[in-house]
Amino acid sequence: MIQMYMGLMVAVSVVFFSQSFSLSLVDIDIYLICLISAWIFGQRLQRDNKRLLTIMWTLADEMGYTAADLKRLSGKYGEVDLTLTRPERMAFFPGARVIQAVTCKMQIEQTQREVEARHLA
């Protein structure tokens, strides 16, 4: 989503600056407002993704899961990509839906383990 918004900003820049250099203050203000809002949106998105990744890896560590296990659950990203999502690194950010889906699948597996442990006891 942020890529789409930034693409729109590039298109607006091209339109503004290709016409002529006689831009009004209103044009510049609108452009700056859009640019600042894109930056704020990107910061918020990154903060939310960091929070989701921290939750995902906390649960993965509790369950003893590695990046290979998360790869199995995500089905979309490789082990190296998922290793780069660890809270110590945070060099790669998968989509929020993928992070939430993996976390949900881990919670289901954790519940299944607990149920099996109760039946064995």
N, C-alpha and C. Protein backbone atom coordinates (compact mmCIF):
# COMPACT_ATOMS: atom_id res chain seq x y z
N MET A 1 0.82 -1.19 0.00
CA MET A 1 0.00 0.00 0.00
C MET A 1 0.87 1.26 0.00
N ILE A 2 1.94 1.20 0.79
CA ILE A 2 2.81 2.37 0.84
C ILE A 2 3.48 2.59 -0.51
N GLN A 3 3.76 1.48 -1.24
CA GLN A 3 4.38 1.62 -2.55
C GLN A 3 3.43 2.34 -3.50
N MET A 4 2.14 2.02 -3.41
CA MET A 4 1.16 2.66 -4.26
C MET A 4 1.09 4.17 -3.96
N TYR A 5 1.11 4.49 -2.69
CA TYR A 5 1.04 5.89 -2.27
C TYR A 5 2.28 6.65 -2.73
N MET A 6 3.44 6.02 -2.59
CA MET A 6 4.67 6.68 -3.01
C MET A 6 4.70 6.82 -4.54
N GLY A 7 4.16 5.84 -5.25
CA GLY A 7 4.06 5.95 -6.71
C GLY A 7 3.19 7.12 -7.11
N LEU A 8 2.12 7.32 -6.37
CA LEU A 8 1.25 8.46 -6.62
C LEU A 8 2.00 9.77 -6.38
N MET A 9 2.83 9.80 -5.35
CA MET A 9 3.62 10.99 -5.06
C MET A 9 4.59 11.29 -6.20
N VAL A 10 5.18 10.25 -6.77
CA VAL A 10 6.09 10.46 -7.90
C VAL A 10 5.32 11.03 -9.08
N ALA A 11 4.13 10.47 -9.34
CA ALA A 11 3.32 10.97 -10.45
C ALA A 11 2.94 12.43 -10.24
N VAL A 12 2.57 12.78 -9.02
CA VAL A 12 2.21 14.16 -8.71
C VAL A 12 3.43 15.06 -8.90
N SER A 13 4.60 14.59 -8.50
CA SER A 13 5.84 15.37 -8.68
C SER A 13 6.11 15.63 -10.14
N VAL A 14 5.95 14.61 -10.95
CA VAL A 14 6.20 14.76 -12.39
C VAL A 14 5.24 15.79 -12.98
N VAL A 15 3.96 15.71 -12.60
CA VAL A 15 2.98 16.65 -13.13
C VAL A 15 3.30 18.07 -12.67
N PHE A 16 3.61 18.24 -11.39
CA PHE A 16 3.91 19.57 -10.87
C PHE A 16 5.13 20.19 -11.52
N PHE A 17 6.20 19.43 -11.59
CA PHE A 17 7.46 20.01 -12.01
C PHE A 17 7.71 19.94 -13.51
N SER A 18 6.86 19.23 -14.25
CA SER A 18 7.07 19.18 -15.70
C SER A 18 6.33 20.30 -16.42
N GLN A 19 5.27 20.82 -15.80
CA GLN A 19 4.49 21.87 -16.46
C GLN A 19 5.31 23.14 -16.61
N SER A 20 5.64 23.71 -15.51
CA SER A 20 6.48 24.91 -15.53
C SER A 20 6.98 25.15 -14.12
N PHE A 21 7.84 26.08 -13.98
CA PHE A 21 8.35 26.37 -12.66
C PHE A 21 7.57 27.48 -11.97
N SER A 22 6.42 27.81 -12.52
CA SER A 22 5.59 28.83 -11.89
C SER A 22 4.53 28.16 -11.02
N LEU A 23 4.99 27.49 -9.99
CA LEU A 23 4.08 26.82 -9.07
C LEU A 23 3.58 27.82 -8.03
N SER A 24 2.33 27.69 -7.70
CA SER A 24 1.79 28.57 -6.66
C SER A 24 2.14 28.00 -5.29
N LEU A 25 1.97 28.80 -4.28
CA LEU A 25 2.21 28.33 -2.92
C LEU A 25 1.24 27.22 -2.54
N VAL A 26 0.04 27.28 -3.08
CA VAL A 26 -0.95 26.23 -2.80
C VAL A 26 -0.47 24.90 -3.35
N ASP A 27 0.08 24.90 -4.57
CA ASP A 27 0.60 23.67 -5.16
C ASP A 27 1.72 23.09 -4.30
N ILE A 28 2.61 23.94 -3.88
CA ILE A 28 3.73 23.48 -3.06
C ILE A 28 3.24 22.99 -1.71
N ASP A 29 2.28 23.68 -1.12
CA ASP A 29 1.72 23.26 0.16
C ASP A 29 1.05 21.90 0.05
N ILE A 30 0.27 21.70 -1.00
CA ILE A 30 -0.39 20.41 -1.20
C ILE A 30 0.64 19.30 -1.35
N TYR A 31 1.66 19.58 -2.13
CA TYR A 31 2.72 18.59 -2.34
C TYR A 31 3.41 18.25 -1.02
N LEU A 32 3.74 19.25 -0.23
CA LEU A 32 4.41 19.02 1.05
C LEU A 32 3.51 18.26 2.02
N ILE A 33 2.23 18.58 2.03
CA ILE A 33 1.28 17.86 2.89
C ILE A 33 1.24 16.38 2.50
N CYS A 34 1.18 16.12 1.20
CA CYS A 34 1.16 14.73 0.73
C CYS A 34 2.46 14.02 1.08
N LEU A 35 3.57 14.69 0.93
CA LEU A 35 4.87 14.11 1.23
C LEU A 35 5.00 13.79 2.72
N ILE A 36 4.59 14.70 3.56
CA ILE A 36 4.65 14.49 5.00
C ILE A 36 3.70 13.38 5.43
N SER A 37 2.51 13.36 4.86
CA SER A 37 1.57 12.30 5.22
C SER A 37 2.08 10.93 4.78
N ALA A 38 2.76 10.85 3.65
CA ALA A 38 3.35 9.58 3.21
C ALA A 38 4.44 9.14 4.18
N TRP A 39 5.24 10.08 4.65
CA TRP A 39 6.29 9.75 5.61
C TRP A 39 5.69 9.25 6.92
N ILE A 40 4.65 9.94 7.42
CA ILE A 40 4.00 9.54 8.66
C ILE A 40 3.36 8.16 8.50
N PHE A 41 2.69 7.94 7.38
CA PHE A 41 2.07 6.65 7.12
C PHE A 41 3.12 5.54 7.09
N GLY A 42 4.24 5.79 6.45
CA GLY A 42 5.32 4.80 6.39
C GLY A 42 5.89 4.49 7.76
N GLN A 43 6.08 5.51 8.58
CA GLN A 43 6.58 5.30 9.94
C GLN A 43 5.61 4.46 10.76
N ARG A 44 4.33 4.77 10.63
CA ARG A 44 3.30 4.03 11.37
C ARG A 44 3.24 2.58 10.91
N LEU A 45 3.33 2.37 9.62
CA LEU A 45 3.30 1.02 9.07
C LEU A 45 4.51 0.22 9.56
N GLN A 46 5.67 0.84 9.57
CA GLN A 46 6.87 0.15 10.04
C GLN A 46 6.76 -0.17 11.53
N ARG A 47 6.23 0.75 12.32
CA ARG A 47 6.05 0.50 13.76
C ARG A 47 5.11 -0.67 14.00
N ASP A 48 4.00 -0.71 13.26
CA ASP A 48 3.05 -1.80 13.40
C ASP A 48 3.66 -3.13 12.99
N ASN A 49 4.42 -3.13 11.90
CA ASN A 49 5.07 -4.36 11.45
C ASN A 49 6.10 -4.85 12.46
N LYS A 50 6.84 -3.93 13.08
CA LYS A 50 7.81 -4.32 14.11
C LYS A 50 7.10 -4.97 15.29
N ARG A 51 5.97 -4.40 15.68
CA ARG A 51 5.21 -4.96 16.80
C ARG A 51 4.71 -6.36 16.46
N LEU A 52 4.16 -6.53 15.25
CA LEU A 52 3.66 -7.84 14.83
C LEU A 52 4.78 -8.87 14.74
N LEU A 53 5.94 -8.46 14.23
CA LEU A 53 7.08 -9.38 14.13
C LEU A 53 7.59 -9.78 15.51
N THR A 54 7.60 -8.85 16.45
CA THR A 54 8.03 -9.16 17.80
C THR A 54 7.10 -10.18 18.44
N ILE A 55 5.80 -10.01 18.24
CA ILE A 55 4.83 -10.98 18.76
C ILE A 55 5.05 -12.34 18.11
N MET A 56 5.24 -12.35 16.79
CA MET A 56 5.43 -13.61 16.06
C MET A 56 6.66 -14.35 16.56
N TRP A 57 7.78 -13.64 16.70
CA TRP A 57 9.02 -14.29 17.11
C TRP A 57 9.01 -14.68 18.59
N THR A 58 8.30 -13.93 19.42
CA THR A 58 8.18 -14.31 20.82
C THR A 58 7.47 -15.66 20.92
N LEU A 59 6.38 -15.79 20.19
CA LEU A 59 5.65 -17.06 20.18
C LEU A 59 6.49 -18.17 19.56
N ALA A 60 7.20 -17.86 18.48
CA ALA A 60 8.05 -18.87 17.83
C ALA A 60 9.14 -19.34 18.79
N ASP A 61 9.74 -18.43 19.53
CA ASP A 61 10.78 -18.82 20.49
C ASP A 61 10.20 -19.67 21.61
N GLU A 62 9.00 -19.33 22.08
CA GLU A 62 8.34 -20.12 23.12
C GLU A 62 8.10 -21.55 22.65
N MET A 63 7.77 -21.70 21.37
CA MET A 63 7.45 -23.01 20.82
C MET A 63 8.68 -23.73 20.27
N GLY A 64 9.82 -23.05 20.26
CA GLY A 64 11.04 -23.65 19.75
C GLY A 64 11.10 -23.69 18.23
N TYR A 65 10.39 -22.79 17.58
CA TYR A 65 10.36 -22.74 16.12
C TYR A 65 11.54 -21.95 15.58
N THR A 66 12.01 -22.38 14.42
CA THR A 66 13.09 -21.68 13.73
C THR A 66 12.51 -21.02 12.48
N ALA A 67 13.39 -20.38 11.73
CA ALA A 67 12.95 -19.76 10.48
C ALA A 67 12.41 -20.80 9.50
N ALA A 68 12.94 -22.03 9.57
CA ALA A 68 12.45 -23.11 8.70
C ALA A 68 10.99 -23.44 9.03
N ASP A 69 10.66 -23.45 10.31
CA ASP A 69 9.27 -23.71 10.71
C ASP A 69 8.36 -22.58 10.26
N LEU A 70 8.83 -21.36 10.38
CA LEU A 70 8.03 -20.22 9.94
C LEU A 70 7.86 -20.21 8.43
N LYS A 71 8.87 -20.69 7.72
CA LYS A 71 8.76 -20.82 6.26
C LYS A 71 7.64 -21.78 5.91
N ARG A 72 7.59 -22.89 6.65
CA ARG A 72 6.53 -23.88 6.43
C ARG A 72 5.16 -23.26 6.67
N LEU A 73 5.05 -22.44 7.69
CA LEU A 73 3.76 -21.83 8.01
C LEU A 73 3.39 -20.70 7.06
N SER A 74 4.37 -19.96 6.60
CA SER A 74 4.06 -18.82 5.73
C SER A 74 3.85 -19.25 4.30
N GLY A 75 4.70 -20.17 3.83
CA GLY A 75 4.58 -20.65 2.46
C GLY A 75 4.92 -19.60 1.41
N LYS A 76 5.38 -18.45 1.84
CA LYS A 76 5.61 -17.37 0.89
C LYS A 76 7.05 -16.89 0.88
N TYR A 77 7.70 -16.92 2.02
CA TYR A 77 9.05 -16.38 2.15
C TYR A 77 10.02 -17.49 2.51
N GLY A 78 11.29 -17.29 2.16
CA GLY A 78 12.32 -18.27 2.46
C GLY A 78 12.88 -18.11 3.87
N GLU A 79 13.74 -19.06 4.23
CA GLU A 79 14.33 -19.04 5.57
C GLU A 79 15.19 -17.79 5.80
N VAL A 80 15.95 -17.41 4.79
CA VAL A 80 16.81 -16.23 4.94
C VAL A 80 15.96 -14.98 5.17
N ASP A 81 14.89 -14.86 4.38
CA ASP A 81 13.99 -13.71 4.56
C ASP A 81 13.43 -13.67 5.97
N LEU A 82 12.98 -14.82 6.44
CA LEU A 82 12.36 -14.86 7.77
C LEU A 82 13.40 -14.68 8.88
N THR A 83 14.63 -15.13 8.65
CA THR A 83 15.69 -14.88 9.63
C THR A 83 15.94 -13.38 9.76
N LEU A 84 15.82 -12.66 8.66
CA LEU A 84 16.04 -11.21 8.68
C LEU A 84 14.90 -10.46 9.38
N THR A 85 13.83 -11.16 9.74
CA THR A 85 12.71 -10.50 10.43
C THR A 85 12.85 -10.58 11.95
N ARG A 86 13.86 -11.29 12.43
CA ARG A 86 14.02 -11.41 13.89
C ARG A 86 14.14 -10.02 14.53
N PRO A 87 13.62 -9.87 15.75
CA PRO A 87 13.66 -8.56 16.41
C PRO A 87 15.07 -7.97 16.54
N GLU A 88 16.10 -8.82 16.60
CA GLU A 88 17.46 -8.30 16.71
C GLU A 88 17.91 -7.65 15.41
N ARG A 89 17.32 -8.07 14.29
CA ARG A 89 17.76 -7.58 12.98
C ARG A 89 16.75 -6.62 12.36
N MET A 90 15.55 -7.11 12.16
CA MET A 90 14.46 -6.35 11.52
C MET A 90 14.94 -5.67 10.23
N ALA A 91 15.56 -6.46 9.37
CA ALA A 91 16.05 -5.94 8.10
C ALA A 91 15.08 -6.22 6.96
N PHE A 92 14.04 -7.01 7.24
CA PHE A 92 13.07 -7.37 6.21
C PHE A 92 11.69 -7.37 6.85
N PHE A 93 10.71 -6.84 6.13
CA PHE A 93 9.35 -6.76 6.66
C PHE A 93 8.38 -7.41 5.69
N PRO A 94 7.93 -8.63 6.01
CA PRO A 94 6.88 -9.23 5.17
C PRO A 94 5.58 -8.45 5.34
N GLY A 95 4.60 -8.77 4.54
CA GLY A 95 3.31 -8.13 4.66
C GLY A 95 2.66 -8.43 6.01
N ALA A 96 1.89 -7.49 6.50
CA ALA A 96 1.24 -7.64 7.81
C ALA A 96 0.30 -8.85 7.82
N ARG A 97 -0.38 -9.10 6.71
CA ARG A 97 -1.29 -10.25 6.66
C ARG A 97 -0.54 -11.57 6.80
N VAL A 98 0.63 -11.64 6.20
CA VAL A 98 1.44 -12.86 6.31
C VAL A 98 1.89 -13.06 7.75
N ILE A 99 2.34 -11.99 8.38
CA ILE A 99 2.79 -12.07 9.77
C ILE A 99 1.63 -12.52 10.66
N GLN A 100 0.47 -11.93 10.47
CA GLN A 100 -0.69 -12.30 11.28
C GLN A 100 -1.12 -13.73 11.02
N ALA A 101 -1.05 -14.18 9.77
CA ALA A 101 -1.44 -15.56 9.44
C ALA A 101 -0.49 -16.55 10.09
N VAL A 102 0.81 -16.28 10.04
CA VAL A 102 1.79 -17.17 10.65
C VAL A 102 1.59 -17.22 12.16
N THR A 103 1.37 -16.07 12.77
CA THR A 103 1.13 -16.02 14.21
C THR A 103 -0.12 -16.80 14.58
N CYS A 104 -1.17 -16.66 13.80
CA CYS A 104 -2.42 -17.38 14.05
C CYS A 104 -2.20 -18.89 13.93
N LYS A 105 -1.47 -19.32 12.91
CA LYS A 105 -1.19 -20.75 12.74
C LYS A 105 -0.37 -21.29 13.90
N MET A 106 0.58 -20.50 14.39
CA MET A 106 1.38 -20.93 15.55
C MET A 106 0.51 -21.05 16.79
N GLN A 107 -0.42 -20.12 16.97
CA GLN A 107 -1.32 -20.19 18.12
C GLN A 107 -2.19 -21.44 18.05
N ILE A 108 -2.64 -21.79 16.85
CA ILE A 108 -3.44 -23.01 16.68
C ILE A 108 -2.59 -24.23 17.02
N GLU A 109 -1.37 -24.28 16.52
CA GLU A 109 -0.48 -25.41 16.81
C GLU A 109 -0.15 -25.48 18.30
N GLN A 110 0.01 -24.33 18.93
CA GLN A 110 0.29 -24.30 20.36
C GLN A 110 -0.91 -24.86 21.14
N THR A 111 -2.10 -24.48 20.75
CA THR A 111 -3.31 -25.00 21.39
C THR A 111 -3.43 -26.50 21.19
N GLN A 112 -3.12 -26.97 19.98
CA GLN A 112 -3.17 -28.41 19.71
C GLN A 112 -2.16 -29.16 20.58
N ARG A 113 -0.98 -28.60 20.76
CA ARG A 113 0.03 -29.22 21.63
C ARG A 113 -0.48 -29.31 23.06
N GLU A 114 -1.10 -28.24 23.54
CA GLU A 114 -1.62 -28.22 24.91
C GLU A 114 -2.72 -29.25 25.09
N VAL A 115 -3.60 -29.38 24.11
CA VAL A 115 -4.69 -30.36 24.19
C VAL A 115 -4.11 -31.77 24.19
N GLU A 116 -3.13 -32.03 23.32
CA GLU A 116 -2.50 -33.35 23.28
C GLU A 116 -1.79 -33.66 24.59
N ALA A 117 -1.14 -32.66 25.18
CA ALA A 117 -0.44 -32.86 26.45
C ALA A 117 -1.43 -33.19 27.57
N ARG A 118 -2.60 -32.57 27.55
CA ARG A 118 -3.62 -32.86 28.57
C ARG A 118 -4.16 -34.28 28.42
N HIS A 119 -4.34 -34.71 27.18
CA HIS A 119 -4.87 -36.06 26.94
C HIS A 119 -3.87 -37.13 27.33
N LEU A 120 -2.59 -36.82 27.20
CA LEU A 120 -1.56 -37.79 27.57
C LEU A 120 -1.36 -37.85 29.07
N ALA A 121 -1.71 -36.79 29.77
CA ALA A 121 -1.50 -36.73 31.23
C ALA A 121 -2.57 -37.47 31.99
